[in-house]
Amino acid sequence: MSSPGPLLFHVGASHQRAPLELREKIALPPERAAALHERLAASGLAELALLNTCNRVEFYGVAATPADIEALDAAFCAVTGLSADAYAGIRAHAAGPDAIRHLASVAAGLESQLLGENEIFGQVKDAYASAQASGRVGPVLNRVFQKAFQAAKHVRTHTAISEGQVSVANVAVELALTIFGDLESSRVLLLGAGDIGEKTAKAFKSRGARALTVASRTPERALALARTLDATALPFEHFSRHLGDYDILVSATSAPGSIVHASDIAASRAKRRGAPLLLLDLALPRDIDAEAAHQENVYLYNLDDLAQIAARNLAAREAEVARARALIAEKADAIWQQIVSRHGA
């Protein structure tokens, strides 16, 4: 009689259960991730991949026993400083075909705050590649991820979940248009030269914004992105004294905490003489002090705020979501049967 197959699992937390304040606490920058893997070195986790984005920290793995998953939970709490009770309140878990179903749904954009967004597919691929490079992918996760990618592509091709799709960048620009009406004369300051900042800056350019400035802790990246955008570069250490020169601030750095303080915004208001200031905080942990939102003519939006705006357009695609989930469920069951037949004996 064959065994029921390897103990394939998914465990972690996402925006679906964890508010922004908790997602900030459980984020795993490289040094935390390294500390976690060091703690797990002697565990029975034969395979393990980490998906770590602004909206989710999730593990996909193969365990020898359920105790190994418990050890992963304990190590995660120890590294992040989150109590076991707090983690239990936001923790999601799935096993076997349900874990495959979840991974494929994530890769397809079905679990994203912005339904159908494309960025997550690349992030899942990066997570898989990183686990491969670290030697933590074996025959089970290799098959699970490869087949999940195929299922996600199939869903995107055969349903309309990405039709009229939204992204953080597009929602941010649409929001700016509702406040300023016309972006041609608006001055935009971008803090951070990473992927999300670049995409948002390009979205502003495409909708008419001409005056863009880039500031980054890495001057070379700021200069390179400024050249790409036909923008100007500003030394990062000088940005706070120039805030009053801009109508829109897009902040998307990887700083461990706030870099734009309420006092900085208050000081900039004298220059602005009552003109509105739009603050778009696209970072996690957040870059901008939440207290800044209480100042007159200051409009502050974070990732969760933008997701709520995007959700208003969800109703039209609900039928497509149901079709997509049905397709993924069918494919996940087939993938699991293949895994059990190969590795479960």
Protein backbone atom coordinates (compact mmCIF):
# COMPACT_ATOMS: atom_id res chain seq x y z
CA MET A 1 0.00 0.00 0.00
CA SER A 2 1.42 3.38 -0.99
CA SER A 3 1.76 6.30 1.41
CA PRO A 4 -0.39 9.41 0.87
CA GLY A 5 2.53 11.28 -0.63
CA PRO A 6 5.07 13.82 0.59
CA LEU A 7 4.07 16.33 3.24
CA LEU A 8 3.79 19.25 0.85
CA PHE A 9 2.65 22.41 2.60
CA HIS A 10 2.12 26.13 2.38
CA VAL A 11 2.19 28.35 5.46
CA GLY A 12 2.42 32.09 5.98
CA ALA A 13 0.51 35.34 6.12
CA SER A 14 -0.75 37.86 3.60
CA HIS A 15 -2.86 40.99 3.23
CA GLN A 16 -5.95 38.78 3.40
CA ARG A 17 -5.53 38.35 7.16
CA ALA A 18 -2.69 40.66 8.18
CA PRO A 19 -3.22 44.44 8.24
CA LEU A 20 -0.45 46.73 7.05
CA GLU A 21 0.87 47.25 10.59
CA LEU A 22 1.47 43.51 11.01
CA ARG A 23 2.85 43.02 7.51
CA GLU A 24 5.51 45.56 8.40
CA LYS A 25 6.51 43.42 11.39
CA ILE A 26 6.70 40.11 9.54
CA ALA A 27 8.61 41.35 6.49
CA LEU A 28 11.79 39.35 5.87
CA PRO A 29 14.61 41.49 4.49
CA PRO A 30 17.71 39.50 3.46
CA GLU A 31 19.37 39.49 6.88
CA ARG A 32 16.20 38.19 8.59
CA ALA A 33 15.68 35.55 5.90
CA ALA A 34 19.27 34.38 6.36
CA ALA A 35 18.78 34.16 10.13
CA LEU A 36 15.62 32.13 9.61
CA HIS A 37 17.28 29.62 7.29
CA GLU A 38 20.15 29.28 9.76
CA ARG A 39 17.66 28.35 12.49
CA LEU A 40 16.11 25.75 10.19
CA ALA A 41 19.37 24.17 9.08
CA ALA A 42 18.90 21.08 11.24
CA SER A 43 15.17 20.69 10.63
CA GLY A 44 13.48 17.99 8.58
CA LEU A 45 12.41 20.41 5.87
CA ALA A 46 13.65 18.64 2.77
CA GLU A 47 12.60 21.48 0.47
CA LEU A 48 11.65 25.09 1.19
CA ALA A 49 10.89 28.22 -0.85
CA LEU A 50 10.15 31.69 0.53
CA LEU A 51 7.82 34.13 -1.23
CA ASN A 52 8.39 37.53 0.35
CA THR A 53 6.56 40.57 -1.08
CA CYS A 54 4.86 43.73 0.21
CA ASN A 55 1.63 41.81 0.69
CA ARG A 56 2.72 38.33 1.74
CA VAL A 57 5.35 36.24 3.48
CA GLU A 58 4.72 32.62 2.53
CA PHE A 59 6.63 29.37 2.69
CA TYR A 60 6.19 26.40 0.38
CA GLY A 61 7.94 23.24 1.42
CA VAL A 62 8.19 19.51 1.92
CA ALA A 63 8.40 18.33 5.53
CA ALA A 64 9.25 14.97 7.08
CA THR A 65 6.65 15.44 9.85
CA PRO A 66 4.13 18.07 11.01
CA ALA A 67 6.62 18.93 13.77
CA ASP A 68 8.92 20.38 11.12
CA ILE A 69 6.23 22.86 10.10
CA GLU A 70 5.79 23.77 13.76
CA ALA A 71 9.54 24.38 13.94
CA LEU A 72 9.27 26.68 10.93
CA ASP A 73 6.48 28.64 12.63
CA ALA A 74 8.53 28.94 15.82
CA ALA A 75 11.63 30.08 13.94
CA PHE A 76 9.60 32.63 11.97
CA CYS A 77 8.16 34.11 15.17
CA ALA A 78 11.59 34.21 16.79
CA VAL A 79 13.17 36.04 13.85
CA THR A 80 10.33 38.56 13.42
CA GLY A 81 9.60 39.07 17.11
CA LEU A 82 5.93 38.23 16.56
CA SER A 83 4.24 36.31 19.35
CA ALA A 84 2.84 32.86 18.63
CA ASP A 85 -0.67 34.08 19.43
CA ALA A 86 -0.38 37.07 17.10
CA TYR A 87 0.92 34.84 14.33
CA ALA A 88 -1.88 32.33 14.86
CA GLY A 89 -4.38 35.12 14.18
CA ILE A 90 -3.00 35.81 10.71
CA ARG A 91 -1.48 32.45 9.75
CA ALA A 92 -2.77 30.55 6.71
CA HIS A 93 -1.94 26.90 6.06
CA ALA A 94 -2.66 24.39 3.32
CA ALA A 95 -1.35 20.94 2.44
CA GLY A 96 -1.21 18.65 -0.57
CA PRO A 97 -3.38 19.74 -3.50
CA ASP A 98 -4.65 22.73 -1.53
CA ALA A 99 -1.08 24.05 -1.28
CA ILE A 100 -0.66 23.66 -5.04
CA ARG A 101 -4.00 25.36 -5.62
CA HIS A 102 -2.91 28.28 -3.46
CA LEU A 103 0.46 28.69 -5.20
CA ALA A 104 -1.12 28.64 -8.66
CA SER A 105 -3.77 31.13 -7.53
CA VAL A 106 -1.09 33.44 -6.16
CA ALA A 107 0.94 33.23 -9.38
CA ALA A 108 -2.17 33.95 -11.44
CA GLY A 109 -2.91 37.10 -9.46
CA LEU A 110 -6.10 35.71 -7.93
CA GLU A 111 -4.88 36.31 -4.37
CA SER A 112 -3.45 39.77 -5.00
CA GLN A 113 -4.78 42.97 -3.50
CA LEU A 114 -5.03 44.22 -7.07
CA LEU A 115 -6.78 41.32 -8.77
CA GLY A 116 -5.06 40.05 -11.90
CA GLU A 117 -1.90 42.13 -11.51
CA ASN A 118 1.12 40.83 -13.40
CA GLU A 119 3.96 41.64 -10.99
CA ILE A 120 3.24 38.71 -8.69
CA PHE A 121 4.00 36.14 -11.39
CA GLY A 122 7.56 37.45 -11.66
CA GLN A 123 7.88 37.55 -7.87
CA VAL A 124 6.88 33.89 -7.58
CA LYS A 125 9.40 32.99 -10.30
CA ASP A 126 12.09 34.91 -8.41
CA ALA A 127 11.22 33.06 -5.18
CA TYR A 128 11.56 29.73 -6.98
CA ALA A 129 14.87 30.75 -8.59
CA SER A 130 16.25 31.91 -5.24
CA ALA A 131 15.32 28.62 -3.56
CA GLN A 132 16.90 26.72 -6.44
CA ALA A 133 20.12 28.72 -6.16
CA SER A 134 20.24 27.94 -2.44
CA GLY A 135 19.81 24.22 -3.02
CA ARG A 136 16.43 24.11 -1.26
CA VAL A 137 14.38 22.86 -4.23
CA GLY A 138 14.06 19.12 -4.78
CA PRO A 139 11.91 16.99 -7.08
CA VAL A 140 8.61 17.84 -5.40
CA LEU A 141 8.85 21.64 -5.27
CA ASN A 142 10.44 21.66 -8.70
CA ARG A 143 7.38 19.96 -10.18
CA VAL A 144 4.92 21.96 -8.05
CA PHE A 145 6.33 25.34 -9.11
CA GLN A 146 6.74 24.43 -12.78
CA LYS A 147 3.19 23.12 -13.01
CA ALA A 148 1.84 26.06 -11.00
CA PHE A 149 3.42 28.44 -13.50
CA GLN A 150 1.75 26.56 -16.34
CA ALA A 151 -1.61 26.67 -14.57
CA ALA A 152 -1.28 30.41 -13.89
CA LYS A 153 -0.44 31.11 -17.54
CA HIS A 154 -3.39 29.00 -18.65
CA VAL A 155 -5.75 30.96 -16.41
CA ARG A 156 -4.46 34.30 -17.62
CA THR A 157 -4.82 33.18 -21.23
CA HIS A 158 -8.27 31.58 -20.97
CA THR A 159 -10.05 33.97 -18.60
CA ALA A 160 -10.43 37.74 -18.44
CA ILE A 161 -9.14 38.27 -14.89
CA SER A 162 -6.43 40.64 -16.17
CA GLU A 163 -8.74 42.51 -18.53
CA GLY A 164 -8.66 46.20 -17.76
CA GLN A 165 -6.15 45.19 -15.14
CA VAL A 166 -4.90 47.52 -12.49
CA SER A 167 -1.52 47.95 -10.90
CA VAL A 168 -0.29 50.00 -7.97
CA ALA A 169 1.30 52.38 -10.47
CA ASN A 170 -1.89 52.89 -12.48
CA VAL A 171 -4.09 53.33 -9.43
CA ALA A 172 -1.64 55.89 -8.03
CA VAL A 173 -1.69 57.90 -11.24
CA GLU A 174 -5.48 57.80 -11.51
CA LEU A 175 -5.66 59.08 -7.95
CA ALA A 176 -3.29 61.93 -8.79
CA LEU A 177 -5.46 62.85 -11.76
CA THR A 178 -8.56 63.13 -9.55
CA ILE A 179 -6.71 65.54 -7.26
CA PHE A 180 -4.81 67.67 -9.78
CA GLY A 181 -6.90 67.17 -12.91
CA ASP A 182 -3.89 67.59 -15.20
CA LEU A 183 -0.42 66.25 -14.46
CA GLU A 184 1.43 68.30 -17.06
CA SER A 185 2.32 71.04 -14.61
CA SER A 186 2.67 68.78 -11.56
CA ARG A 187 6.13 68.23 -10.08
CA VAL A 188 6.79 64.65 -8.96
CA LEU A 189 9.51 63.47 -6.58
CA LEU A 190 10.33 59.76 -6.51
CA LEU A 191 12.17 58.35 -3.50
CA GLY A 192 13.69 54.97 -4.33
CA ALA A 193 14.89 53.65 -7.67
CA GLY A 194 13.55 50.10 -7.42
CA ASP A 195 11.05 48.28 -9.60
CA ILE A 196 7.81 49.64 -8.14
CA GLY A 197 9.14 53.19 -8.08
CA GLU A 198 10.29 52.96 -11.68
CA LYS A 199 6.95 51.58 -12.86
CA THR A 200 5.05 54.31 -11.03
CA ALA A 201 7.29 57.04 -12.42
CA LYS A 202 6.80 55.67 -15.94
CA ALA A 203 3.04 55.63 -15.38
CA PHE A 204 3.16 59.30 -14.39
CA LYS A 205 5.20 60.10 -17.50
CA SER A 206 2.72 58.27 -19.71
CA ARG A 207 -0.14 60.35 -18.31
CA GLY A 208 1.50 63.71 -18.97
CA ALA A 209 3.79 64.43 -16.02
CA ARG A 210 6.90 66.18 -17.29
CA ALA A 211 8.80 67.32 -14.20
CA LEU A 212 10.14 64.21 -12.45
CA THR A 213 12.96 64.04 -9.93
CA VAL A 214 14.55 60.86 -8.57
CA ALA A 215 16.35 60.45 -5.25
CA SER A 216 17.88 57.19 -4.03
CA ARG A 217 20.30 56.09 -1.32
CA THR A 218 22.33 54.67 -4.20
CA PRO A 219 23.25 57.72 -6.34
CA GLU A 220 24.22 55.59 -9.34
CA ARG A 221 20.75 54.03 -9.48
CA ALA A 222 19.10 57.44 -9.17
CA LEU A 223 21.18 58.80 -12.05
CA ALA A 224 20.51 55.75 -14.22
CA LEU A 225 16.75 55.90 -13.65
CA ALA A 226 16.71 59.66 -14.16
CA ARG A 227 18.34 59.19 -17.56
CA THR A 228 15.79 56.51 -18.48
CA LEU A 229 12.90 58.80 -17.51
CA ASP A 230 14.40 62.01 -18.88
CA ALA A 231 14.20 63.24 -15.30
CA THR A 232 16.55 64.95 -12.87
CA ALA A 233 18.37 63.39 -9.92
CA LEU A 234 18.49 64.80 -6.39
CA PRO A 235 20.95 63.73 -3.66
CA PHE A 236 18.96 61.59 -1.25
CA GLU A 237 20.21 63.41 1.82
CA HIS A 238 18.75 66.68 0.48
CA PHE A 239 15.20 65.54 -0.36
CA SER A 240 13.53 66.67 2.89
CA ARG A 241 14.56 70.31 2.44
CA HIS A 242 13.09 70.33 -1.09
CA LEU A 243 9.71 68.71 -0.37
CA GLY A 244 7.94 72.05 -0.73
CA ASP A 245 8.96 72.17 -4.40
CA TYR A 246 6.84 69.16 -5.32
CA ASP A 247 3.15 68.44 -5.74
CA ILE A 248 3.43 64.65 -5.59
CA LEU A 249 5.79 62.50 -3.54
CA VAL A 250 6.09 58.82 -4.46
CA SER A 251 8.08 56.93 -1.85
CA ALA A 252 9.11 53.34 -2.54
CA THR A 253 12.36 52.64 -0.70
CA SER A 254 13.49 49.57 1.22
CA ALA A 255 14.23 51.54 4.39
CA PRO A 256 13.45 49.73 7.66
CA GLY A 257 11.20 52.55 8.90
CA SER A 258 9.86 56.04 8.21
CA ILE A 259 12.12 58.37 6.25
CA VAL A 260 9.56 61.14 5.63
CA HIS A 261 8.45 62.62 8.93
CA ALA A 262 5.35 64.67 9.70
CA SER A 263 7.64 67.56 10.66
CA ASP A 264 9.20 67.44 7.17
CA ILE A 265 5.77 67.76 5.61
CA ALA A 266 4.79 70.57 7.98
CA ALA A 267 7.94 72.49 7.08
CA SER A 268 7.22 72.10 3.36
CA ARG A 269 3.73 73.57 3.61
CA ALA A 270 4.98 77.15 3.98
CA LYS A 271 6.45 76.92 0.48
CA ARG A 272 3.28 75.44 -0.93
CA ARG A 273 0.97 78.23 0.26
CA GLY A 274 -2.03 75.97 0.61
CA ALA A 275 -1.54 74.00 -2.62
CA PRO A 276 -2.40 70.29 -2.23
CA LEU A 277 0.35 67.75 -1.62
CA LEU A 278 -0.20 64.11 -2.59
CA LEU A 279 1.88 61.53 -0.71
CA LEU A 280 1.97 58.01 -2.17
CA ASP A 281 3.63 55.56 0.21
CA LEU A 282 4.33 52.40 -1.80
CA ALA A 283 6.84 50.94 0.65
CA LEU A 284 6.65 48.19 3.25
CA PRO A 285 7.58 48.98 5.95
CA ARG A 286 6.00 52.34 5.27
CA ASP A 287 8.25 55.28 4.37
CA ILE A 288 5.95 58.13 5.38
CA ASP A 289 4.84 58.99 8.91
CA ALA A 290 1.07 58.37 9.09
CA GLU A 291 0.67 61.56 11.16
CA ALA A 292 1.36 63.59 8.03
CA ALA A 293 -2.16 62.79 6.82
CA HIS A 294 -3.67 65.04 9.52
CA GLN A 295 -2.21 68.20 7.99
CA GLU A 296 -4.32 70.52 5.86
CA ASN A 297 -4.30 69.88 2.10
CA VAL A 298 -2.08 66.81 2.56
CA TYR A 299 -3.38 63.57 1.02
CA LEU A 300 -1.58 60.40 2.12
CA TYR A 301 -2.28 56.99 0.60
CA ASN A 302 -0.50 53.70 1.35
CA LEU A 303 -0.65 50.30 -0.34
CA ASP A 304 -3.84 49.24 1.44
CA ASP A 305 -5.55 52.52 0.54
CA LEU A 306 -4.74 52.02 -3.15
CA ALA A 307 -5.99 48.44 -3.00
CA GLN A 308 -9.34 49.63 -1.62
CA ILE A 309 -9.66 52.06 -4.52
CA ALA A 310 -8.89 49.29 -7.01
CA ALA A 311 -11.41 46.94 -5.39
CA ARG A 312 -14.27 49.14 -6.56
CA ASN A 313 -13.64 47.85 -10.07
CA LEU A 314 -13.73 44.20 -9.01
CA ALA A 315 -17.42 43.38 -9.50
CA ALA A 316 -17.20 43.23 -13.29
CA ARG A 317 -14.65 40.42 -13.10
CA GLU A 318 -16.19 38.26 -10.39
CA ALA A 319 -17.50 35.69 -12.87
CA GLU A 320 -14.02 35.40 -14.38
CA VAL A 321 -12.55 34.83 -10.94
CA ALA A 322 -14.91 31.88 -10.40
CA ARG A 323 -13.90 30.38 -13.75
CA ALA A 324 -10.22 30.88 -12.95
CA ARG A 325 -10.49 29.19 -9.54
CA ALA A 326 -12.29 26.21 -11.08
CA LEU A 327 -9.55 25.78 -13.67
CA ILE A 328 -6.84 25.97 -11.03
CA ALA A 329 -8.59 23.47 -8.74
CA GLU A 330 -8.79 20.96 -11.58
CA LYS A 331 -5.13 21.37 -12.49
CA ALA A 332 -3.95 21.30 -8.85
CA ASP A 333 -5.66 17.95 -8.27
CA ALA A 334 -4.02 16.52 -11.39
CA ILE A 335 -0.58 17.80 -10.34
CA TRP A 336 -1.00 16.28 -6.87
CA GLN A 337 -1.91 12.88 -8.29
CA GLN A 338 1.23 12.98 -10.42
CA ILE A 339 3.35 13.83 -7.38
CA VAL A 340 1.82 11.05 -5.27
CA SER A 341 2.35 8.50 -8.04
CA ARG A 342 6.03 9.51 -8.38
CA HIS A 343 7.03 10.20 -4.79
CA GLY A 344 4.38 8.62 -2.57
CA ALA A 345 5.28 4.95 -2.83
